[in-house]
Amino acid sequence: MSFAILKTGIDGLDGILGGGIRYPDDTAAFVCLAGGPGTGKTLLALEMVVRAWLDAGAGSTFLYYSVEHTPDSIHKKLGFDFDWFRTTARIEVQPREVPNKLVLTAHTERGQSQLVLTQARPAALQQKSARGTTVDIDWILAEIENHRLAAPVRLVVIDNVGLLLTDLEYFEKRAALLETRRRLLENQIHGIFVMEEAHPRDLRLPSAEEFSTDLMLHLSFREEATDFKARALEISKARHQYYYRGVHHFSIAGRGVKRDVYLGARNERGPGIHVYPSVAAQLSMARDQAEFTVPPRGDTPIEMGHPDIDAAFLHKSGPAMRSSTVLLAEPGTRATFLALRFLAAGLRRGERTLFVSTREDRDALRRICQREPVLAPCLGPDGRFAPDFRVVYLHPEFIAPGKFTWDLIRLCQGGHADGEPRPVERLAFDNIFRLQDRFPLITEQRFLIAAMLDMLRYQGITPFLVDMVPPGANRGRTDFDPSSYLVAFDNVLHVYFEQGNSGTSPQLRVLKSVGNDFRPEPAPIDWRRT
């Protein structure tokens, strides 16, 4: 048996599904979207069918049946709130023949295809009538057969399928859903059931929808310690494929968002649903895509941007490309300046760089670059940041850890740039101290940083991170423990102030550097030395 892949068009969802929805190539994919009220089930089903419709070949038909929503309300929502997911297709409304049905035609490069929106009215919720005399499951199956006589039907969505079968007992309902699934798969028509979960599940008896589906996505709200309810998605069943387990977060964005804005609760890459795999899933995805081949570190030392840092390494050794460095900075040390100098050294070599800041905004960083001649490569002739020097200032936000790392990696891949993607080669992050204070949903900070370092290495990026440490850490005055840095990073540097007879002077010491010779004792550092 061989398999085919149905892509959802939602990159994060396709990611946790290992590329898309897999199904035997002589049948079709069958999906159930389950969750409580307001969790986004309908929007997810709509986006999946609309993206498939707009990407379909000429003559294809897609059917959407909704119990709760009128065709006109769906049409307006897709056009106004989601801007048809920024498609270039021309959408045409066909003359209406019956009140509860709306036919839309998409004119694309592949030709014409149609989406039929129908409001299903369950027989059990109206006057007593025989099954099949109103828009119910039997009526829908009959209409699908009629559509197939005119054009190939590619995908059918039934939302909310449970309301169409309220007059049936459990086993009758299960039989009706299995028959619906059988009829669709026999005709190689993809199907999506949307299922409302108004009450907790009876764990002793799975729902009829669960029995009749191959892939089940469960949408919910998860209440965090901050009393913030985050949208969450979990794959609870996948019959034909490997998938990345765990809870993944998602968000819904309407019209008017900018594609080049990242790392914010309201900042998305476009209208629609955005799924952010968990940090653990993203790390597994990066390793799987690389087939566990870790990009090697370079053999030649790179310029770290400051001669006193370079001089701390002996015998022409030092940090190489794709090695990770953390600068542990005590208060008052010019850690931001040193991070900027690290990127300026890369800009002189023609590298593309990214500066991520949690404490200095863009205006403050621009003033630093204007004042310091050594940072001239960071600015263009007009006084703005140079094209290869991208700055992102992180405001306090309620975003999930998965969104944090997902957006950061997309920035490094060049998703922030206009035109062609321009991958980043050097990254500086200032600073990572208590990220959970700025991003309350980020609780596993140590794992987040360790996973982020691995993902950056798979992208071929050389990271330089700054963290704050308390004064006197070098003299044992605090309970500062550097062990987590020594485990996670290739190179660990420490800058602090030393009190001497002639006053206070800044010092630099190397605590760790993998494969390099370095001076074990501290040495003075002159911030502006060139």
Protein backbone atom coordinates (compact mmCIF):
# COMPACT_ATOMS: atom_id res chain seq x y z
CA MET A 1 0.00 0.00 0.00
CA SER A 2 1.31 3.45 -0.90
CA PHE A 3 0.23 6.77 0.59
CA ALA A 4 -0.56 10.24 -0.67
CA ILE A 5 -0.35 13.56 1.20
CA LEU A 6 -3.09 16.18 1.53
CA LYS A 7 -1.54 19.47 2.62
CA THR A 8 -3.64 21.79 4.76
CA GLY A 9 -1.79 24.93 3.63
CA ILE A 10 -1.20 25.88 7.29
CA ASP A 11 2.54 25.49 7.72
CA GLY A 12 2.58 24.75 11.45
CA LEU A 13 -0.21 22.18 11.12
CA ASP A 14 1.47 20.50 8.18
CA GLY A 15 4.66 20.52 10.26
CA ILE A 16 3.26 18.58 13.21
CA LEU A 17 1.60 16.18 10.75
CA GLY A 18 4.97 15.40 9.20
CA GLY A 19 4.18 17.23 5.94
CA GLY A 20 0.40 16.97 5.75
CA ILE A 21 -2.49 14.51 6.13
CA ARG A 22 -1.42 11.09 4.89
CA TYR A 23 -3.94 8.62 3.47
CA PRO A 24 -3.96 5.51 1.24
CA ASP A 25 -3.67 6.82 -2.32
CA ASP A 26 -6.66 4.78 -3.53
CA THR A 27 -9.03 6.34 -0.96
CA ALA A 28 -9.07 9.79 0.69
CA ALA A 29 -8.28 11.60 3.93
CA PHE A 30 -10.90 11.80 6.64
CA VAL A 31 -10.56 14.29 9.52
CA CYS A 32 -12.54 15.17 12.64
CA LEU A 33 -12.10 18.56 14.31
CA ALA A 34 -13.35 18.45 17.90
CA GLY A 35 -13.50 20.98 20.71
CA GLY A 36 -15.63 23.15 22.91
CA PRO A 37 -17.52 26.31 21.94
CA GLY A 38 -15.40 29.12 20.55
CA THR A 39 -12.21 27.12 20.18
CA GLY A 40 -11.86 27.79 16.44
CA LYS A 41 -13.11 24.53 14.92
CA THR A 42 -15.25 26.18 12.24
CA LEU A 43 -12.50 28.60 11.23
CA LEU A 44 -9.99 25.77 10.93
CA ALA A 45 -12.38 23.72 8.78
CA LEU A 46 -13.14 26.77 6.62
CA GLU A 47 -9.49 27.57 6.08
CA MET A 48 -8.67 23.97 5.17
CA VAL A 49 -11.46 23.74 2.57
CA VAL A 50 -10.87 27.24 1.17
CA ARG A 51 -7.12 26.74 0.76
CA ALA A 52 -7.74 23.40 -0.96
CA TRP A 53 -10.37 25.03 -3.21
CA LEU A 54 -8.14 27.95 -4.21
CA ASP A 55 -5.30 25.54 -4.98
CA ALA A 56 -7.44 23.05 -6.92
CA GLY A 57 -7.39 22.18 -10.58
CA ALA A 58 -10.00 23.28 -13.09
CA GLY A 59 -13.49 21.83 -12.70
CA SER A 60 -13.18 20.77 -9.05
CA THR A 61 -16.04 21.13 -6.58
CA PHE A 62 -15.84 21.62 -2.82
CA LEU A 63 -18.85 21.33 -0.51
CA TYR A 64 -19.32 22.97 2.89
CA TYR A 65 -22.39 22.24 5.04
CA SER A 66 -23.01 24.23 8.22
CA VAL A 67 -25.84 23.89 10.71
CA GLU A 68 -25.15 27.15 12.57
CA HIS A 69 -23.91 29.60 9.92
CA THR A 70 -25.65 30.98 6.86
CA PRO A 71 -23.80 30.95 3.53
CA ASP A 72 -23.86 34.76 3.43
CA SER A 73 -22.23 35.11 6.85
CA ILE A 74 -19.48 32.66 5.86
CA HIS A 75 -18.91 34.46 2.56
CA LYS A 76 -18.61 37.86 4.26
CA LYS A 77 -16.31 36.53 6.97
CA LEU A 78 -13.91 34.92 4.50
CA GLY A 79 -13.85 37.99 2.29
CA PHE A 80 -13.75 40.74 4.90
CA ASP A 81 -12.07 39.27 7.99
CA PHE A 82 -9.64 36.92 6.27
CA ASP A 83 -9.29 38.53 2.85
CA TRP A 84 -9.54 35.05 1.27
CA PHE A 85 -6.16 34.35 2.90
CA ARG A 86 -4.52 36.86 0.52
CA THR A 87 -5.22 34.87 -2.59
CA THR A 88 -4.72 36.33 -6.04
CA ALA A 89 -7.79 34.47 -7.32
CA ARG A 90 -10.89 36.30 -8.49
CA ILE A 91 -13.92 35.16 -6.45
CA GLU A 92 -17.27 35.32 -8.22
CA VAL A 93 -20.71 34.77 -6.61
CA GLN A 94 -23.07 32.78 -8.82
CA PRO A 95 -26.79 33.70 -9.11
CA ARG A 96 -28.66 32.20 -6.18
CA GLU A 97 -31.11 29.39 -6.92
CA VAL A 98 -32.21 28.44 -3.39
CA PRO A 99 -32.15 30.52 -0.16
CA ASN A 100 -29.86 28.28 1.91
CA LYS A 101 -27.16 27.77 -0.73
CA LEU A 102 -24.39 29.98 -2.14
CA VAL A 103 -22.09 28.94 -5.01
CA LEU A 104 -18.70 30.66 -5.32
CA THR A 105 -16.42 30.31 -8.33
CA ALA A 106 -12.66 30.88 -8.08
CA HIS A 107 -10.77 31.96 -11.19
CA THR A 108 -7.11 31.01 -10.72
CA GLU A 109 -4.12 30.18 -12.89
CA ARG A 110 -5.31 26.55 -12.87
CA GLY A 111 -8.78 27.41 -14.14
CA GLN A 112 -12.21 27.57 -12.52
CA SER A 113 -13.34 25.63 -9.47
CA GLN A 114 -16.33 26.07 -7.19
CA LEU A 115 -17.14 26.10 -3.49
CA VAL A 116 -20.75 25.41 -2.52
CA LEU A 117 -21.84 26.77 0.89
CA THR A 118 -25.04 25.22 2.25
CA GLN A 119 -26.86 25.75 5.52
CA ALA A 120 -28.02 22.35 6.70
CA ARG A 121 -31.18 22.28 8.79
CA PRO A 122 -31.42 19.17 10.98
CA ALA A 123 -34.77 17.43 10.72
CA ALA A 124 -34.94 16.68 14.46
CA LEU A 125 -34.84 20.38 15.34
CA GLN A 126 -37.86 21.21 13.17
CA GLN A 127 -41.30 19.76 12.64
CA LYS A 128 -41.66 16.02 12.67
CA SER A 129 -40.66 14.66 9.30
CA ALA A 130 -39.11 11.56 7.85
CA ARG A 131 -35.34 11.36 7.56
CA GLY A 132 -34.09 12.62 4.23
CA THR A 133 -36.92 15.12 3.74
CA THR A 134 -34.82 17.98 5.18
CA VAL A 135 -31.12 18.81 4.82
CA ASP A 136 -29.72 15.99 6.93
CA ILE A 137 -27.04 13.32 6.45
CA ASP A 138 -29.09 11.34 3.92
CA TRP A 139 -29.88 14.50 1.95
CA ILE A 140 -26.18 15.51 1.97
CA LEU A 141 -25.07 12.11 0.66
CA ALA A 142 -27.64 12.30 -2.12
CA GLU A 143 -26.52 15.81 -3.08
CA ILE A 144 -22.87 14.72 -3.20
CA GLU A 145 -23.85 12.06 -5.74
CA ASN A 146 -25.62 14.70 -7.83
CA HIS A 147 -22.57 17.01 -7.75
CA ARG A 148 -20.34 14.12 -8.84
CA LEU A 149 -22.39 13.77 -12.03
CA ALA A 150 -21.43 17.31 -13.03
CA ALA A 151 -17.81 17.63 -11.76
CA PRO A 152 -15.33 15.85 -9.49
CA VAL A 153 -15.99 16.52 -5.80
CA ARG A 154 -12.68 16.89 -3.95
CA LEU A 155 -13.59 17.66 -0.34
CA VAL A 156 -16.70 17.79 1.85
CA VAL A 157 -17.01 19.54 5.23
CA ILE A 158 -19.94 18.91 7.60
CA ASP A 159 -20.17 21.40 10.49
CA ASN A 160 -21.69 20.60 13.07
CA VAL A 161 -22.26 16.98 12.21
CA GLY A 162 -23.63 15.99 15.62
CA LEU A 163 -26.67 18.26 15.30
CA LEU A 164 -27.70 16.47 12.11
CA LEU A 165 -28.02 13.21 14.05
CA THR A 166 -29.62 14.30 17.32
CA ASP A 167 -32.61 12.04 16.72
CA LEU A 168 -30.42 8.91 16.69
CA GLU A 169 -29.15 6.72 19.50
CA TYR A 170 -25.42 6.18 19.90
CA PHE A 171 -25.06 3.07 17.76
CA GLU A 172 -27.38 4.44 15.06
CA LYS A 173 -25.34 7.64 15.01
CA ARG A 174 -22.13 5.67 14.77
CA ALA A 175 -23.51 3.61 11.89
CA ALA A 176 -24.65 6.75 10.03
CA LEU A 177 -21.23 8.38 10.37
CA LEU A 178 -19.39 5.22 9.30
CA GLU A 179 -21.65 4.97 6.26
CA THR A 180 -20.94 8.61 5.41
CA ARG A 181 -17.22 7.97 5.70
CA ARG A 182 -17.45 4.80 3.58
CA ARG A 183 -19.35 6.57 0.79
CA LEU A 184 -16.86 9.45 0.66
CA LEU A 185 -13.77 7.25 0.72
CA GLU A 186 -15.14 4.94 -1.97
CA ASN A 187 -15.45 7.97 -4.25
CA GLN A 188 -12.02 9.33 -3.15
CA ILE A 189 -13.56 12.46 -1.63
CA HIS A 190 -11.76 13.98 1.34
CA GLY A 191 -14.02 14.56 4.35
CA ILE A 192 -13.97 16.77 7.44
CA PHE A 193 -16.39 16.39 10.36
CA VAL A 194 -16.64 19.28 12.83
CA MET A 195 -17.78 18.07 16.24
CA GLU A 196 -18.93 20.20 19.18
CA GLU A 197 -17.91 19.07 22.65
CA ALA A 198 -20.36 20.75 25.00
CA HIS A 199 -19.64 18.43 27.91
CA PRO A 200 -16.66 16.38 29.11
CA ARG A 201 -16.24 13.13 27.24
CA ASP A 202 -17.53 9.86 28.59
CA LEU A 203 -14.17 8.12 28.84
CA ARG A 204 -15.82 4.69 28.91
CA LEU A 205 -17.22 5.04 25.40
CA PRO A 206 -15.46 7.01 22.62
CA SER A 207 -17.68 9.27 20.56
CA ALA A 208 -19.18 8.08 17.32
CA GLU A 209 -17.13 10.73 15.50
CA GLU A 210 -13.91 9.26 16.90
CA PHE A 211 -14.81 5.80 15.62
CA SER A 212 -15.49 7.12 12.12
CA THR A 213 -12.38 9.23 11.54
CA ASP A 214 -8.75 8.62 10.59
CA LEU A 215 -7.29 11.86 11.95
CA MET A 216 -8.69 13.68 14.97
CA LEU A 217 -7.59 17.18 15.98
CA HIS A 218 -8.73 18.44 19.35
CA LEU A 219 -8.95 22.22 19.92
CA SER A 220 -9.26 23.75 23.37
CA PHE A 221 -8.44 26.63 25.69
CA ARG A 222 -5.69 26.00 28.24
CA GLU A 223 -5.65 28.22 31.29
CA GLU A 224 -2.13 29.26 32.23
CA ALA A 225 -0.87 30.24 35.69
CA THR A 226 -1.41 33.88 34.72
CA ASP A 227 -5.18 33.25 34.22
CA PHE A 228 -4.56 33.71 30.51
CA LYS A 229 -6.37 31.22 28.29
CA ALA A 230 -4.19 30.11 25.40
CA ARG A 231 -5.53 28.36 22.32
CA ALA A 232 -4.21 24.81 22.11
CA LEU A 233 -4.35 22.04 19.51
CA GLU A 234 -3.53 18.38 20.02
CA ILE A 235 -3.57 15.40 17.69
CA SER A 236 -5.50 12.75 19.59
CA LYS A 237 -5.66 10.17 16.79
CA ALA A 238 -3.82 9.62 13.51
CA ARG A 239 -4.46 6.29 11.83
CA HIS A 240 -2.09 6.46 8.88
CA GLN A 241 0.83 8.63 9.89
CA TYR A 242 3.58 9.62 12.26
CA TYR A 243 2.98 12.93 14.00
CA TYR A 244 4.56 15.14 16.64
CA ARG A 245 2.76 14.49 19.90
CA GLY A 246 1.99 16.97 22.63
CA VAL A 247 0.09 20.22 23.04
CA HIS A 248 0.70 22.82 20.35
CA HIS A 249 -0.57 26.39 20.49
CA PHE A 250 -2.31 28.33 17.75
CA SER A 251 -3.74 31.79 17.12
CA ILE A 252 -6.31 33.35 14.81
CA ALA A 253 -5.51 36.57 12.95
CA GLY A 254 -7.90 38.68 10.90
CA ARG A 255 -7.39 41.07 8.04
CA GLY A 256 -4.86 43.89 8.18
CA VAL A 257 -1.92 42.08 9.80
CA LYS A 258 1.54 42.47 8.30
CA ARG A 259 3.46 39.48 7.05
CA ASP A 260 6.86 40.91 8.05
CA VAL A 261 5.98 41.40 11.74
CA TYR A 262 6.94 38.65 14.18
CA LEU A 263 7.24 37.81 17.86
CA GLY A 264 4.08 39.35 19.26
CA ALA A 265 0.73 38.09 20.50
CA ARG A 266 -1.12 40.02 17.78
CA ASN A 267 1.62 39.84 15.16
CA GLU A 268 1.11 37.17 12.53
CA ARG A 269 2.32 36.44 9.03
CA GLY A 270 -1.09 36.81 7.44
CA PRO A 271 -4.82 36.31 8.08
CA GLY A 272 -6.09 32.92 9.18
CA ILE A 273 -5.04 30.25 11.66
CA HIS A 274 -1.40 29.92 12.69
CA VAL A 275 -0.26 26.75 14.45
CA TYR A 276 2.92 26.86 16.54
CA PRO A 277 4.38 23.43 17.35
CA SER A 278 5.67 22.96 20.87
CA VAL A 279 9.37 23.68 21.44
CA ALA A 280 10.06 19.96 21.84
CA ALA A 281 8.24 19.24 18.56
CA GLN A 282 10.17 21.97 16.74
CA LEU A 283 13.46 20.54 17.95
CA SER A 284 12.42 17.06 16.79
CA MET A 285 11.29 18.48 13.43
CA ALA A 286 14.64 20.21 12.92
CA ARG A 287 16.51 17.00 13.68
CA ASP A 288 14.27 14.90 11.46
CA GLN A 289 14.58 17.34 8.53
CA ALA A 290 18.37 17.32 8.91
CA GLU A 291 18.33 13.52 9.19
CA PHE A 292 20.26 13.98 12.44
CA THR A 293 23.21 15.43 10.55
CA VAL A 294 24.35 18.31 12.74
CA PRO A 295 26.08 21.11 10.78
CA PRO A 296 29.75 21.06 11.85
CA ARG A 297 31.32 24.03 13.56
CA GLY A 298 33.96 25.87 11.59
CA ASP A 299 37.67 25.22 11.99
CA THR A 300 38.82 28.84 11.71
CA PRO A 301 38.27 31.32 14.58
CA ILE A 302 35.95 34.19 13.77
CA GLU A 303 36.34 37.78 14.86
CA MET A 304 34.24 38.35 17.99
CA GLY A 305 34.05 42.09 17.43
CA HIS A 306 36.33 43.23 20.25
CA PRO A 307 40.14 42.79 20.29
CA ASP A 308 40.22 42.10 24.06
CA ILE A 309 37.81 39.18 23.58
CA ASP A 310 39.87 37.83 20.68
CA ALA A 311 43.06 38.23 22.76
CA ALA A 312 41.62 36.08 25.56
CA PHE A 313 42.10 33.05 23.30
CA LEU A 314 45.62 31.70 22.79
CA HIS A 315 47.59 30.00 19.99
CA LYS A 316 45.32 31.32 17.21
CA SER A 317 42.31 29.55 18.65
CA GLY A 318 38.88 30.94 19.47
CA PRO A 319 35.15 30.56 18.79
CA ALA A 320 34.34 29.40 15.26
CA MET A 321 31.28 29.70 13.04
CA ARG A 322 28.16 27.96 14.38
CA SER A 323 29.56 27.83 17.93
CA SER A 324 27.35 29.33 20.63
CA THR A 325 28.55 32.03 23.02
CA VAL A 326 26.94 33.52 26.11
CA LEU A 327 28.18 36.71 27.74
CA LEU A 328 27.41 36.83 31.47
CA ALA A 329 27.28 40.55 32.23
CA GLU A 330 27.17 42.24 35.62
CA PRO A 331 25.27 45.56 35.97
CA GLY A 332 27.04 48.52 34.40
CA THR A 333 29.09 46.51 31.92
CA ARG A 334 28.46 47.46 28.30
CA ALA A 335 27.06 44.12 27.23
CA THR A 336 24.73 45.59 24.58
CA PHE A 337 27.70 47.39 22.99
CA LEU A 338 29.73 44.16 22.91
CA ALA A 339 26.81 42.29 21.29
CA LEU A 340 26.51 45.00 18.63
CA ARG A 341 30.25 44.81 17.98
CA PHE A 342 29.91 41.05 17.44
CA LEU A 343 27.36 41.69 14.67
CA ALA A 344 29.35 44.60 13.20
CA ALA A 345 32.28 42.21 12.73
CA GLY A 346 30.01 39.92 10.74
CA LEU A 347 28.67 42.83 8.64
CA ARG A 348 32.24 43.71 7.64
CA ARG A 349 32.57 40.17 6.28
CA GLY A 350 29.38 40.54 4.25
CA GLU A 351 27.27 38.43 6.60
CA ARG A 352 23.60 39.03 7.32
CA THR A 353 22.83 39.62 10.98
CA LEU A 354 19.91 39.81 13.41
CA PHE A 355 19.83 41.67 16.72
CA VAL A 356 17.04 40.66 19.13
CA SER A 357 16.64 42.92 22.14
CA THR A 358 14.48 42.67 25.25
CA ARG A 359 15.78 45.82 26.94
CA GLU A 360 16.78 48.46 24.36
CA ASP A 361 14.34 49.61 21.68
CA ARG A 362 15.24 50.47 18.10
CA ASP A 363 15.75 54.18 18.76
CA ALA A 364 18.15 53.52 21.65
CA LEU A 365 20.12 51.03 19.56
CA ARG A 366 20.29 53.47 16.65
CA ARG A 367 21.74 56.15 18.95
CA ILE A 368 24.40 53.71 20.16
CA CYS A 369 25.34 52.89 16.57
CA GLN A 370 25.48 56.58 15.62
CA ARG A 371 27.72 57.44 18.57
CA GLU A 372 30.24 54.60 18.20
CA PRO A 373 32.41 54.68 15.04
CA VAL A 374 33.18 50.95 15.35
CA LEU A 375 29.47 50.26 14.77
CA ALA A 376 29.37 52.13 11.43
CA PRO A 377 28.59 48.91 9.44
CA CYS A 378 25.23 48.71 11.31
CA LEU A 379 23.96 51.89 9.63
CA GLY A 380 23.26 52.81 6.03
CA PRO A 381 24.05 56.15 4.33
CA ASP A 382 20.63 57.51 5.37
CA GLY A 383 21.30 56.86 9.08
CA ARG A 384 18.88 53.95 9.24
CA PHE A 385 19.87 50.39 9.99
CA ALA A 386 21.78 48.72 7.16
CA PRO A 387 19.82 46.20 5.02
CA ASP A 388 21.85 43.28 6.39
CA PHE A 389 21.40 44.41 9.99
CA ARG A 390 17.89 43.57 11.23
CA VAL A 391 16.72 44.72 14.68
CA VAL A 392 13.75 43.25 16.55
CA TYR A 393 12.68 44.75 19.88
CA LEU A 394 10.58 42.38 21.99
CA HIS A 395 7.73 43.95 23.91
CA PRO A 396 6.17 42.11 26.89
CA GLU A 397 3.68 39.66 25.36
CA PHE A 398 1.46 36.69 26.19
CA ILE A 399 2.87 34.30 23.60
CA ALA A 400 3.49 30.58 23.92
CA PRO A 401 7.04 29.19 23.91
CA GLY A 402 6.32 27.50 20.58
CA LYS A 403 5.42 30.80 18.92
CA PHE A 404 8.53 32.40 20.40
CA THR A 405 10.95 29.90 18.86
CA TRP A 406 8.89 29.39 15.66
CA ASP A 407 8.91 33.10 14.84
CA LEU A 408 12.56 33.49 15.80
CA ILE A 409 13.64 30.72 13.45
CA ARG A 410 11.53 32.20 10.63
CA LEU A 411 13.27 35.53 11.20
CA CYS A 412 16.63 33.79 10.95
CA GLN A 413 15.54 32.11 7.72
CA GLY A 414 14.94 35.56 6.24
CA GLY A 415 11.18 35.74 6.58
CA HIS A 416 11.46 39.30 7.83
CA ALA A 417 13.05 40.62 4.64
CA ASP A 418 11.31 42.20 1.68
CA GLY A 419 11.60 40.26 -1.60
CA GLU A 420 13.73 37.12 -1.59
CA PRO A 421 14.43 35.47 1.79
CA ARG A 422 17.86 36.37 3.15
CA PRO A 423 19.07 33.90 5.77
CA VAL A 424 20.86 35.24 8.83
CA GLU A 425 24.41 34.12 9.63
CA ARG A 426 24.99 35.84 12.98
CA LEU A 427 22.46 36.46 15.76
CA ALA A 428 22.82 38.46 18.98
CA PHE A 429 20.16 38.18 21.70
CA ASP A 430 20.23 40.87 24.38
CA ASN A 431 19.22 39.60 26.86
CA ILE A 432 17.81 36.28 28.02
CA PHE A 433 17.62 37.13 31.73
CA ARG A 434 14.30 35.93 33.20
CA LEU A 435 12.48 35.78 29.88
CA GLN A 436 9.37 34.62 31.73
CA ASP A 437 9.04 38.10 33.25
CA ARG A 438 8.68 39.56 29.76
CA PHE A 439 6.84 36.57 28.30
CA PRO A 440 4.75 35.14 31.16
CA LEU A 441 3.83 31.96 29.26
CA ILE A 442 7.51 30.98 28.94
CA THR A 443 8.13 28.92 32.05
CA GLU A 444 10.71 26.37 30.92
CA GLN A 445 13.37 28.98 30.20
CA ARG A 446 16.40 26.72 30.49
CA PHE A 447 15.00 24.14 28.10
CA LEU A 448 13.81 26.88 25.77
CA ILE A 449 17.31 28.36 25.48
CA ALA A 450 18.97 24.96 25.08
CA ALA A 451 16.49 23.93 22.36
CA MET A 452 16.83 27.31 20.64
CA LEU A 453 20.63 26.91 20.48
CA ASP A 454 20.26 23.51 18.81
CA MET A 455 17.72 24.84 16.29
CA LEU A 456 19.95 27.81 15.45
CA ARG A 457 22.85 25.48 14.79
CA TYR A 458 20.72 23.41 12.41
CA GLN A 459 20.10 26.71 10.59
CA GLY A 460 23.85 27.34 10.34
CA ILE A 461 23.71 30.45 12.57
CA THR A 462 26.37 31.68 15.00
CA PRO A 463 24.58 32.96 18.15
CA PHE A 464 25.86 35.40 20.78
CA LEU A 465 23.52 35.65 23.79
CA VAL A 466 23.68 38.04 26.74
CA ASP A 467 22.47 37.22 30.24
CA MET A 468 22.61 39.34 33.37
CA VAL A 469 24.29 38.08 36.55
CA PRO A 470 24.36 39.73 40.00
CA PRO A 471 27.27 41.94 41.11
CA GLY A 472 30.05 40.09 42.85
CA ALA A 473 29.40 36.79 41.10
CA ASN A 474 33.11 36.50 40.34
CA ARG A 475 34.03 36.70 44.04
CA GLY A 476 31.45 34.27 45.36
CA ARG A 477 29.36 36.97 46.99
CA THR A 478 26.15 35.48 45.61
CA ASP A 479 24.68 32.05 45.06
CA PHE A 480 25.24 32.43 41.30
CA ASP A 481 25.65 29.00 39.66
CA PRO A 482 27.11 29.02 36.12
CA SER A 483 26.64 25.28 35.57
CA SER A 484 23.58 25.65 33.29
CA TYR A 485 25.57 27.95 30.97
CA LEU A 486 28.61 25.67 31.03
CA VAL A 487 26.42 22.77 29.88
CA ALA A 488 24.43 24.61 27.19
CA PHE A 489 26.99 26.88 25.49
CA ASP A 490 30.25 26.27 23.64
CA ASN A 491 31.80 29.48 24.97
CA VAL A 492 31.02 31.22 28.28
CA LEU A 493 32.39 34.74 28.89
CA HIS A 494 32.01 36.87 31.99
CA VAL A 495 32.39 40.66 32.23
CA TYR A 496 32.38 42.43 35.58
CA PHE A 497 33.96 45.28 37.56
CA GLU A 498 37.03 44.76 39.74
CA GLN A 499 37.80 47.15 42.61
CA GLY A 500 41.50 48.11 42.71
CA ASN A 501 43.77 50.75 44.17
CA SER A 502 43.19 53.05 41.20
CA GLY A 503 39.41 52.57 41.22
CA THR A 504 36.97 50.27 39.47
CA SER A 505 37.98 48.65 36.18
CA PRO A 506 36.02 46.33 33.83
CA GLN A 507 37.36 42.79 33.55
CA LEU A 508 36.81 39.90 31.12
CA ARG A 509 37.34 36.22 31.80
CA VAL A 510 36.62 33.06 29.85
CA LEU A 511 34.87 30.37 31.90
CA LYS A 512 34.64 27.81 29.12
CA SER A 513 35.51 27.39 25.44
CA VAL A 514 35.19 24.04 23.69
CA GLY A 515 38.34 23.02 21.80
CA ASN A 516 40.15 26.32 22.35
CA ASP A 517 43.05 27.52 24.49
CA PHE A 518 42.23 30.55 26.59
CA ARG A 519 43.70 32.63 29.33
CA PRO A 520 42.38 31.33 32.69
CA GLU A 521 42.93 34.59 34.58
CA PRO A 522 40.82 37.74 34.09
CA ALA A 523 42.14 40.65 32.03
CA PRO A 524 41.04 44.28 31.66
CA ILE A 525 38.72 45.15 28.82
CA ASP A 526 38.57 48.58 27.18
CA TRP A 527 35.06 49.06 25.73
CA ARG A 528 36.13 51.32 22.82
CA ARG A 529 39.40 49.63 21.85
CA THR A 530 39.59 48.97 18.09
